[in-house]
Amino acid sequence: MVKLPFEKHPVAQYLGIQSESLSRNLAKLKAHGIQTMADGIDISNPGALREIVGEESLMLCDLPA
């Protein structure tokens, strides 16, 4: 599980989007094996995430293959 050090509102502000938009977009990722919880994000299928966002976007993340 990836722990979020902030609540959704500050993360949304950092990304320049509304909290509601962040929540909707995180919900869309459920179909790709990504679950959100109050204290973090569980990425059960890192390969699926790589397919969605591209390998370059994840180069700084330490996700298992």
PDB file of N, CA and C in Angstrom:
ATOM      1  N   MET A   1       0.843  -1.178   0.000  1.00  0.00           N
ATOM      2  CA  MET A   1       0.000   0.000   0.000  1.00  0.00           C
ATOM      3  C   MET A   1       0.889   1.242   0.000  1.00  0.00           C
ATOM      4  N   VAL A   2       0.499   2.210  -0.774  1.00  0.00           N
ATOM      5  CA  VAL A   2       1.184   3.494  -0.806  1.00  0.00           C
ATOM      6  C   VAL A   2       0.449   4.420   0.149  1.00  0.00           C
ATOM      7  N   LYS A   3       1.141   4.916   1.142  1.00  0.00           N
ATOM      8  CA  LYS A   3       0.523   5.820   2.115  1.00  0.00           C
ATOM      9  C   LYS A   3       0.567   7.258   1.606  1.00  0.00           C
ATOM     10  N   LEU A   4      -0.560   7.936   1.714  1.00  0.00           N
ATOM     11  CA  LEU A   4      -0.611   9.347   1.354  1.00  0.00           C
ATOM     12  C   LEU A   4      -0.279  10.181   2.587  1.00  0.00           C
ATOM     13  N   PRO A   5       0.693  11.076   2.497  1.00  0.00           N
ATOM     14  CA  PRO A   5       1.047  11.879   3.665  1.00  0.00           C
ATOM     15  C   PRO A   5       0.083  13.036   3.905  1.00  0.00           C
ATOM     16  N   PHE A   6      -0.907  13.191   3.047  1.00  0.00           N
ATOM     17  CA  PHE A   6      -1.853  14.302   3.148  1.00  0.00           C
ATOM     18  C   PHE A   6      -3.263  13.786   2.946  1.00  0.00           C
ATOM     19  N   GLU A   7      -4.215  14.594   3.316  1.00  0.00           N
ATOM     20  CA  GLU A   7      -5.599  14.314   2.963  1.00  0.00           C
ATOM     21  C   GLU A   7      -5.777  14.653   1.491  1.00  0.00           C
ATOM     22  N   LYS A   8      -6.906  14.247   0.919  1.00  0.00           N
ATOM     23  CA  LYS A   8      -7.129  14.461  -0.516  1.00  0.00           C
ATOM     24  C   LYS A   8      -7.132  15.931  -0.904  1.00  0.00           C
ATOM     25  N   HIS A   9      -7.662  16.793  -0.056  1.00  0.00           N
ATOM     26  CA  HIS A   9      -7.766  18.213  -0.425  1.00  0.00           C
ATOM     27  C   HIS A   9      -6.398  18.843  -0.717  1.00  0.00           C
ATOM     28  N   PRO A  10      -5.398  18.689   0.164  1.00  0.00           N
ATOM     29  CA  PRO A  10      -4.082  19.258  -0.163  1.00  0.00           C
ATOM     30  C   PRO A  10      -3.439  18.619  -1.401  1.00  0.00           C
ATOM     31  N   VAL A  11      -3.676  17.317  -1.601  1.00  0.00           N
ATOM     32  CA  VAL A  11      -3.139  16.658  -2.801  1.00  0.00           C
ATOM     33  C   VAL A  11      -3.780  17.261  -4.042  1.00  0.00           C
ATOM     34  N   ALA A  12      -5.094  17.444  -4.004  1.00  0.00           N
ATOM     35  CA  ALA A  12      -5.800  18.046  -5.130  1.00  0.00           C
ATOM     36  C   ALA A  12      -5.297  19.464  -5.387  1.00  0.00           C
ATOM     37  N   GLN A  13      -5.092  20.226  -4.328  1.00  0.00           N
ATOM     38  CA  GLN A  13      -4.562  21.583  -4.491  1.00  0.00           C
ATOM     39  C   GLN A  13      -3.192  21.554  -5.157  1.00  0.00           C
ATOM     40  N   TYR A  14      -2.331  20.653  -4.716  1.00  0.00           N
ATOM     41  CA  TYR A  14      -0.991  20.527  -5.294  1.00  0.00           C
ATOM     42  C   TYR A  14      -1.069  20.204  -6.786  1.00  0.00           C
ATOM     43  N   LEU A  15      -2.048  19.351  -7.155  1.00  0.00           N
ATOM     44  CA  LEU A  15      -2.212  18.973  -8.555  1.00  0.00           C
ATOM     45  C   LEU A  15      -2.962  20.026  -9.369  1.00  0.00           C
ATOM     46  N   GLY A  16      -3.534  21.004  -8.677  1.00  0.00           N
ATOM     47  CA  GLY A  16      -4.266  22.062  -9.375  1.00  0.00           C
ATOM     48  C   GLY A  16      -5.659  21.654  -9.819  1.00  0.00           C
ATOM     49  N   ILE A  17      -6.268  20.708  -9.079  1.00  0.00           N
ATOM     50  CA  ILE A  17      -7.623  20.259  -9.404  1.00  0.00           C
ATOM     51  C   ILE A  17      -8.488  20.318  -8.152  1.00  0.00           C
ATOM     52  N   GLN A  18      -9.790  20.191  -8.350  1.00  0.00           N
ATOM     53  CA  GLN A  18     -10.731  20.169  -7.238  1.00  0.00           C
ATOM     54  C   GLN A  18     -10.667  18.808  -6.539  1.00  0.00           C
ATOM     55  N   SER A  19     -10.963  18.775  -5.245  1.00  0.00           N
ATOM     56  CA  SER A  19     -10.980  17.521  -4.482  1.00  0.00           C
ATOM     57  C   SER A  19     -11.936  16.509  -5.103  1.00  0.00           C
ATOM     58  N   GLU A  20     -13.062  16.995  -5.579  1.00  0.00           N
ATOM     59  CA  GLU A  20     -14.057  16.118  -6.192  1.00  0.00           C
ATOM     60  C   GLU A  20     -13.498  15.456  -7.450  1.00  0.00           C
ATOM     61  N   SER A  21     -12.734  16.215  -8.236  1.00  0.00           N
ATOM     62  CA  SER A  21     -12.128  15.666  -9.449  1.00  0.00           C
ATOM     63  C   SER A  21     -11.103  14.593  -9.100  1.00  0.00           C
ATOM     64  N   LEU A  22     -10.328  14.834  -8.055  1.00  0.00           N
ATOM     65  CA  LEU A  22      -9.361  13.837  -7.615  1.00  0.00           C
ATOM     66  C   LEU A  22     -10.087  12.567  -7.195  1.00  0.00           C
ATOM     67  N   SER A  23     -11.146  12.706  -6.430  1.00  0.00           N
ATOM     68  CA  SER A  23     -11.915  11.540  -5.975  1.00  0.00           C
ATOM     69  C   SER A  23     -12.504  10.771  -7.146  1.00  0.00           C
ATOM     70  N   ARG A  24     -13.067  11.479  -8.115  1.00  0.00           N
ATOM     71  CA  ARG A  24     -13.649  10.816  -9.289  1.00  0.00           C
ATOM     72  C   ARG A  24     -12.581  10.064 -10.082  1.00  0.00           C
ATOM     73  N   ASN A  25     -11.422  10.689 -10.253  1.00  0.00           N
ATOM     74  CA  ASN A  25     -10.359  10.044 -11.024  1.00  0.00           C
ATOM     75  C   ASN A  25      -9.765   8.853 -10.281  1.00  0.00           C
ATOM     76  N   LEU A  26      -9.643   8.953  -8.974  1.00  0.00           N
ATOM     77  CA  LEU A  26      -9.179   7.800  -8.202  1.00  0.00           C
ATOM     78  C   LEU A  26     -10.191   6.659  -8.290  1.00  0.00           C
ATOM     79  N   ALA A  27     -11.484   6.980  -8.282  1.00  0.00           N
ATOM     80  CA  ALA A  27     -12.525   5.956  -8.394  1.00  0.00           C
ATOM     81  C   ALA A  27     -12.449   5.248  -9.749  1.00  0.00           C
ATOM     82  N   LYS A  28     -12.115   5.970 -10.809  1.00  0.00           N
ATOM     83  CA  LYS A  28     -11.987   5.356 -12.137  1.00  0.00           C
ATOM     84  C   LYS A  28     -10.868   4.329 -12.181  1.00  0.00           C
ATOM     85  N   LEU A  29      -9.870   4.491 -11.335  1.00  0.00           N
ATOM     86  CA  LEU A  29      -8.730   3.566 -11.336  1.00  0.00           C
ATOM     87  C   LEU A  29      -9.064   2.229 -10.678  1.00  0.00           C
ATOM     88  N   LYS A  30     -10.222   2.134 -10.006  1.00  0.00           N
ATOM     89  CA  LYS A  30     -10.630   0.880  -9.370  1.00  0.00           C
ATOM     90  C   LYS A  30     -10.663  -0.270 -10.372  1.00  0.00           C
ATOM     91  N   ALA A  31     -11.112   0.000 -11.565  1.00  0.00           N
ATOM     92  CA  ALA A  31     -11.206  -1.031 -12.604  1.00  0.00           C
ATOM     93  C   ALA A  31      -9.833  -1.562 -13.000  1.00  0.00           C
ATOM     94  N   HIS A  32      -8.787  -0.868 -12.611  1.00  0.00           N
ATOM     95  CA  HIS A  32      -7.424  -1.257 -12.969  1.00  0.00           C
ATOM     96  C   HIS A  32      -6.645  -1.781 -11.762  1.00  0.00           C
ATOM     97  N   GLY A  33      -7.363  -2.181 -10.713  1.00  0.00           N
ATOM     98  CA  GLY A  33      -6.724  -2.787  -9.553  1.00  0.00           C
ATOM     99  C   GLY A  33      -6.141  -1.812  -8.558  1.00  0.00           C
ATOM    100  N   ILE A  34      -6.652  -0.595  -8.552  1.00  0.00           N
ATOM    101  CA  ILE A  34      -6.151   0.419  -7.628  1.00  0.00           C
ATOM    102  C   ILE A  34      -7.291   0.824  -6.701  1.00  0.00           C
ATOM    103  N   GLN A  35      -7.110   0.563  -5.411  1.00  0.00           N
ATOM    104  CA  GLN A  35      -8.135   0.844  -4.411  1.00  0.00           C
ATOM    105  C   GLN A  35      -7.674   1.996  -3.530  1.00  0.00           C
ATOM    106  N   THR A  36      -8.575   2.909  -3.235  1.00  0.00           N
ATOM    107  CA  THR A  36      -8.238   4.001  -2.316  1.00  0.00           C
ATOM    108  C   THR A  36      -8.884   3.744  -0.968  1.00  0.00           C
ATOM    109  N   MET A  37      -8.147   4.093   0.074  1.00  0.00           N
ATOM    110  CA  MET A  37      -8.622   3.978   1.440  1.00  0.00           C
ATOM    111  C   MET A  37      -8.342   5.297   2.141  1.00  0.00           C
ATOM    112  N   ALA A  38      -8.791   5.408   3.355  1.00  0.00           N
ATOM    113  CA  ALA A  38      -8.607   6.664   4.094  1.00  0.00           C
ATOM    114  C   ALA A  38      -7.128   6.995   4.286  1.00  0.00           C
ATOM    115  N   ASP A  39      -6.294   5.966   4.437  1.00  0.00           N
ATOM    116  CA  ASP A  39      -4.892   6.216   4.773  1.00  0.00           C
ATOM    117  C   ASP A  39      -3.920   5.910   3.644  1.00  0.00           C
ATOM    118  N   GLY A  40      -4.419   5.616   2.451  1.00  0.00           N
ATOM    119  CA  GLY A  40      -3.478   5.345   1.367  1.00  0.00           C
ATOM    120  C   GLY A  40      -4.141   4.781   0.128  1.00  0.00           C
ATOM    121  N   ILE A  41      -3.316   4.320  -0.762  1.00  0.00           N
ATOM    122  CA  ILE A  41      -3.760   3.741  -2.021  1.00  0.00           C
ATOM    123  C   ILE A  41      -3.116   2.374  -2.138  1.00  0.00           C
ATOM    124  N   ASP A  42      -3.925   1.353  -2.417  1.00  0.00           N
ATOM    125  CA  ASP A  42      -3.420   0.000  -2.602  1.00  0.00           C
ATOM    126  C   ASP A  42      -3.340  -0.280  -4.097  1.00  0.00           C
ATOM    127  N   ILE A  43      -2.136  -0.504  -4.581  1.00  0.00           N
ATOM    128  CA  ILE A  43      -1.926  -0.793  -5.992  1.00  0.00           C
ATOM    129  C   ILE A  43      -1.658  -2.289  -6.100  1.00  0.00           C
ATOM    130  N   SER A  44      -2.722  -3.059  -6.374  1.00  0.00           N
ATOM    131  CA  SER A  44      -2.590  -4.513  -6.410  1.00  0.00           C
ATOM    132  C   SER A  44      -2.009  -5.013  -7.724  1.00  0.00           C
ATOM    133  N   ASN A  45      -2.047  -4.180  -8.751  1.00  0.00           N
ATOM    134  CA  ASN A  45      -1.517  -4.587 -10.051  1.00  0.00           C
ATOM    135  C   ASN A  45      -0.677  -3.451 -10.637  1.00  0.00           C
ATOM    136  N   PRO A  46       0.586  -3.315 -10.209  1.00  0.00           N
ATOM    137  CA  PRO A  46       1.437  -2.231 -10.712  1.00  0.00           C
ATOM    138  C   PRO A  46       1.602  -2.259 -12.229  1.00  0.00           C
ATOM    139  N   GLY A  47       1.558  -3.440 -12.824  1.00  0.00           N
ATOM    140  CA  GLY A  47       1.672  -3.544 -14.281  1.00  0.00           C
ATOM    141  C   GLY A  47       0.535  -2.835 -14.992  1.00  0.00           C
ATOM    142  N   ALA A  48      -0.674  -2.963 -14.457  1.00  0.00           N
ATOM    143  CA  ALA A  48      -1.826  -2.278 -15.052  1.00  0.00           C
ATOM    144  C   ALA A  48      -1.667  -0.767 -14.940  1.00  0.00           C
ATOM    145  N   LEU A  49      -1.136  -0.310 -13.807  1.00  0.00           N
ATOM    146  CA  LEU A  49      -0.905   1.129 -13.635  1.00  0.00           C
ATOM    147  C   LEU A  49       0.123   1.625 -14.649  1.00  0.00           C
ATOM    148  N   ARG A  50       1.169   0.850 -14.848  1.00  0.00           N
ATOM    149  CA  ARG A  50       2.187   1.231 -15.839  1.00  0.00           C
ATOM    150  C   ARG A  50       1.585   1.360 -17.234  1.00  0.00           C
ATOM    151  N   GLU A  51       0.671   0.448 -17.571  1.00  0.00           N
ATOM    152  CA  GLU A  51       0.018   0.510 -18.886  1.00  0.00           C
ATOM    153  C   GLU A  51      -0.810   1.780 -19.033  1.00  0.00           C
ATOM    154  N   ILE A  52      -1.440   2.209 -17.956  1.00  0.00           N
ATOM    155  CA  ILE A  52      -2.300   3.395 -18.006  1.00  0.00           C
ATOM    156  C   ILE A  52      -1.477   4.667 -18.147  1.00  0.00           C
ATOM    157  N   VAL A  53      -0.461   4.827 -17.300  1.00  0.00           N
ATOM    158  CA  VAL A  53       0.265   6.100 -17.241  1.00  0.00           C
ATOM    159  C   VAL A  53       1.582   6.095 -17.996  1.00  0.00           C
ATOM    160  N   GLY A  54       2.086   4.933 -18.329  1.00  0.00           N
ATOM    161  CA  GLY A  54       3.359   4.859 -19.040  1.00  0.00           C
ATOM    162  C   GLY A  54       4.526   4.684 -18.075  1.00  0.00           C
ATOM    163  N   GLU A  55       5.500   3.948 -18.493  1.00  0.00           N
ATOM    164  CA  GLU A  55       6.661   3.628 -17.661  1.00  0.00           C
ATOM    165  C   GLU A  55       7.400   4.883 -17.205  1.00  0.00           C
ATOM    166  N   GLU A  56       7.514   5.891 -18.082  1.00  0.00           N
ATOM    167  CA  GLU A  56       8.261   7.105 -17.739  1.00  0.00           C
ATOM    168  C   GLU A  56       7.682   7.817 -16.530  1.00  0.00           C
ATOM    169  N   SER A  57       6.344   7.779 -16.407  1.00  0.00           N
ATOM    170  CA  SER A  57       5.686   8.478 -15.306  1.00  0.00           C
ATOM    171  C   SER A  57       5.953   7.807 -13.970  1.00  0.00           C
ATOM    172  N   LEU A  58       6.340   6.560 -13.991  1.00  0.00           N
ATOM    173  CA  LEU A  58       6.542   5.828 -12.747  1.00  0.00           C
ATOM    174  C   LEU A  58       8.015   5.617 -12.407  1.00  0.00           C
ATOM    175  N   MET A  59       8.906   6.229 -13.129  1.00  0.00           N
ATOM    176  CA  MET A  59      10.321   5.996 -12.906  1.00  0.00           C
ATOM    177  C   MET A  59      10.772   6.363 -11.489  1.00  0.00           C
ATOM    178  N   LEU A  60      10.115   7.322 -10.861  1.00  0.00           N
ATOM    179  CA  LEU A  60      10.496   7.731  -9.523  1.00  0.00           C
ATOM    180  C   LEU A  60       9.777   6.941  -8.435  1.00  0.00           C
ATOM    181  N   CYS A  61       8.799   6.115  -8.839  1.00  0.00           N
ATOM    182  CA  CYS A  61       8.061   5.319  -7.875  1.00  0.00           C
ATOM    183  C   CYS A  61       8.759   3.987  -7.675  1.00  0.00           C
ATOM    184  N   ASP A  62       8.672   3.477  -6.481  1.00  0.00           N
ATOM    185  CA  ASP A  62       9.281   2.192  -6.180  1.00  0.00           C
ATOM    186  C   ASP A  62       8.177   1.150  -6.114  1.00  0.00           C
ATOM    187  N   LEU A  63       7.653   0.759  -7.281  1.00  0.00           N
ATOM    188  CA  LEU A  63       6.578  -0.214  -7.339  1.00  0.00           C
ATOM    189  C   LEU A  63       7.129  -1.550  -7.824  1.00  0.00           C
ATOM    190  N   PRO A  64       6.674  -2.640  -7.220  1.00  0.00           N
ATOM    191  CA  PRO A  64       7.138  -3.946  -7.698  1.00  0.00           C
ATOM    192  C   PRO A  64       6.587  -4.238  -9.082  1.00  0.00           C
ATOM    193  N   ALA A  65       7.278  -5.069  -9.823  1.00  0.00           N
ATOM    194  CA  ALA A  65       6.846  -5.427 -11.185  1.00  0.00           C
ATOM    195  C   ALA A  65       5.659  -6.353 -11.147  1.00  0.00           C
TER     196      ALA A  65
END
